[in-house]
């Protein structure tokens, strides 16, 4: 994990811009909502709006409450900005155990 990756994610959060990355061997389109620390590890709470996971293709677009992902930033590979549409779900404000110390959080 590099500072450049953290900065890219933080900028995407501020701009409500999706990112693309590989995580656990699967290509994912992610809308990052929160980046921060949990037990000394940098984690990302993101809404996955496209791509695949271990359960297959995810439903695309907004509204699918099962598309939330908590990911270790150091396990993300090939992180890039995406020109796709921002997506989220109605439960975006629910408390999450993904991050204890917030570095950046999306504004609603």
Protein backbone atom coordinates (compact mmCIF):
# COMPACT_ATOMS: atom_id res chain seq x y z
CA UNK A 1 0.00 0.00 0.00
CA UNK A 2 1.33 3.39 -0.91
CA UNK A 3 0.44 6.89 0.19
CA UNK A 4 -0.54 7.52 -3.45
CA UNK A 5 -3.25 4.81 -3.15
CA UNK A 6 -4.56 6.33 0.07
CA UNK A 7 -4.58 9.79 -1.52
CA UNK A 8 -6.40 8.49 -4.62
CA UNK A 9 -9.09 6.92 -2.41
CA UNK A 10 -9.41 10.05 -0.25
CA UNK A 11 -9.84 12.20 -3.37
CA UNK A 12 -12.45 9.77 -4.73
CA UNK A 13 -14.38 10.04 -1.46
CA UNK A 14 -14.35 13.84 -1.59
CA UNK A 15 -15.48 13.85 -5.25
CA UNK A 16 -17.93 10.95 -4.90
CA UNK A 17 -16.07 9.23 -7.73
CA UNK A 18 -15.88 5.45 -8.17
CA UNK A 19 -12.61 3.58 -8.26
CA UNK A 20 -11.68 0.25 -9.80
CA UNK A 21 -9.40 -2.33 -8.24
CA UNK A 22 -8.70 -6.01 -7.86
CA UNK A 23 -9.41 -7.49 -4.43
CA UNK A 24 -9.17 -11.19 -3.57
CA UNK A 25 -8.60 -11.87 -7.27
CA UNK A 26 -11.82 -10.19 -8.42
CA UNK A 27 -12.21 -6.99 -10.44
CA UNK A 28 -14.43 -4.58 -8.55
CA UNK A 29 -16.01 -1.20 -9.16
CA UNK A 30 -16.16 0.53 -5.79
CA UNK A 31 -17.70 3.72 -4.48
CA UNK A 32 -15.53 4.51 -1.46
CA UNK A 33 -17.39 5.94 1.54
CA UNK A 34 -14.90 5.77 4.43
CA UNK A 35 -11.16 5.19 4.72
CA UNK A 36 -9.43 4.90 8.07
CA UNK A 37 -7.73 2.73 10.63
CA UNK A 38 -8.93 -0.39 12.40
CA UNK A 39 -6.42 -1.97 14.79
CA UNK A 40 -3.53 -0.23 12.99
CA UNK A 41 -4.62 -1.37 9.52
CA UNK A 42 -5.95 1.01 6.86
CA UNK A 43 -9.41 -0.17 5.81
CA UNK A 44 -11.88 0.99 3.19
CA UNK A 45 -15.65 0.84 3.52
CA UNK A 46 -17.02 0.92 -0.03
CA UNK A 47 -20.22 0.25 -1.90
CA UNK A 48 -19.48 -2.23 -4.71
CA UNK A 49 -21.43 -1.05 -7.73
CA UNK A 50 -20.02 -3.44 -10.32
CA UNK A 51 -17.60 -6.22 -11.05
CA UNK A 52 -17.42 -9.57 -9.31
CA UNK A 53 -16.90 -11.14 -5.91
CA UNK A 54 -16.53 -14.66 -4.60
CA UNK A 55 -20.33 -14.96 -4.96
CA UNK A 56 -20.28 -13.95 -8.64
CA UNK A 57 -21.34 -10.74 -10.35
CA UNK A 58 -22.73 -8.10 -8.03
CA UNK A 59 -25.95 -6.25 -8.76
CA UNK A 60 -25.03 -3.02 -10.54
CA UNK A 61 -26.04 0.49 -9.59
CA UNK A 62 -27.43 1.87 -6.36
CA UNK A 63 -29.76 0.49 -3.74
CA UNK A 64 -28.55 -3.06 -3.15
CA UNK A 65 -27.92 -3.17 0.60
CA UNK A 66 -25.78 -6.32 0.31
CA UNK A 67 -23.11 -4.57 -1.79
CA UNK A 68 -21.17 -3.08 1.16
CA UNK A 69 -17.54 -4.18 1.44
CA UNK A 70 -14.93 -3.67 4.16
CA UNK A 71 -11.50 -4.12 2.60
CA UNK A 72 -7.89 -3.85 3.68
CA UNK A 73 -6.34 -1.13 1.55
CA UNK A 74 -3.03 -3.01 1.41
CA UNK A 75 -4.85 -5.90 -0.33
CA UNK A 76 -6.23 -3.70 -3.14
CA UNK A 77 -4.32 -4.01 -6.41
CA UNK A 78 -4.30 -1.77 -9.46
CA UNK A 79 -6.40 0.98 -7.90
CA UNK A 80 -7.51 3.55 -10.48
CA UNK A 81 -10.15 6.25 -10.78
CA UNK A 82 -13.28 5.29 -12.70
CA UNK A 83 -15.55 7.43 -14.83
CA UNK A 84 -18.64 5.45 -13.83
CA UNK A 85 -21.60 6.74 -11.85
CA UNK A 86 -21.45 7.07 -8.06
CA UNK A 87 -23.65 4.55 -6.25
CA UNK A 88 -24.76 3.90 -2.69
CA UNK A 89 -27.62 2.34 -0.75
CA UNK A 90 -30.24 3.81 1.58
CA UNK A 91 -28.45 2.30 4.59
CA UNK A 92 -25.27 4.35 3.92
CA UNK A 93 -25.41 6.02 7.34
CA UNK A 94 -25.56 2.83 9.40
CA UNK A 95 -22.71 2.38 11.83
CA UNK A 96 -19.95 0.11 10.58
CA UNK A 97 -17.22 -1.75 12.44
CA UNK A 98 -14.88 -1.42 9.45
CA UNK A 99 -13.07 1.72 10.65
CA UNK A 100 -12.37 3.11 14.14
CA UNK A 101 -10.29 6.17 13.21
CA UNK A 102 -11.61 7.98 10.12
CA UNK A 103 -9.19 9.58 7.67
CA UNK A 104 -11.86 10.60 5.15
CA UNK A 105 -15.63 10.11 4.98
CA UNK A 106 -18.14 10.95 2.25
CA UNK A 107 -20.51 13.84 2.92
CA UNK A 108 -24.25 13.48 2.36
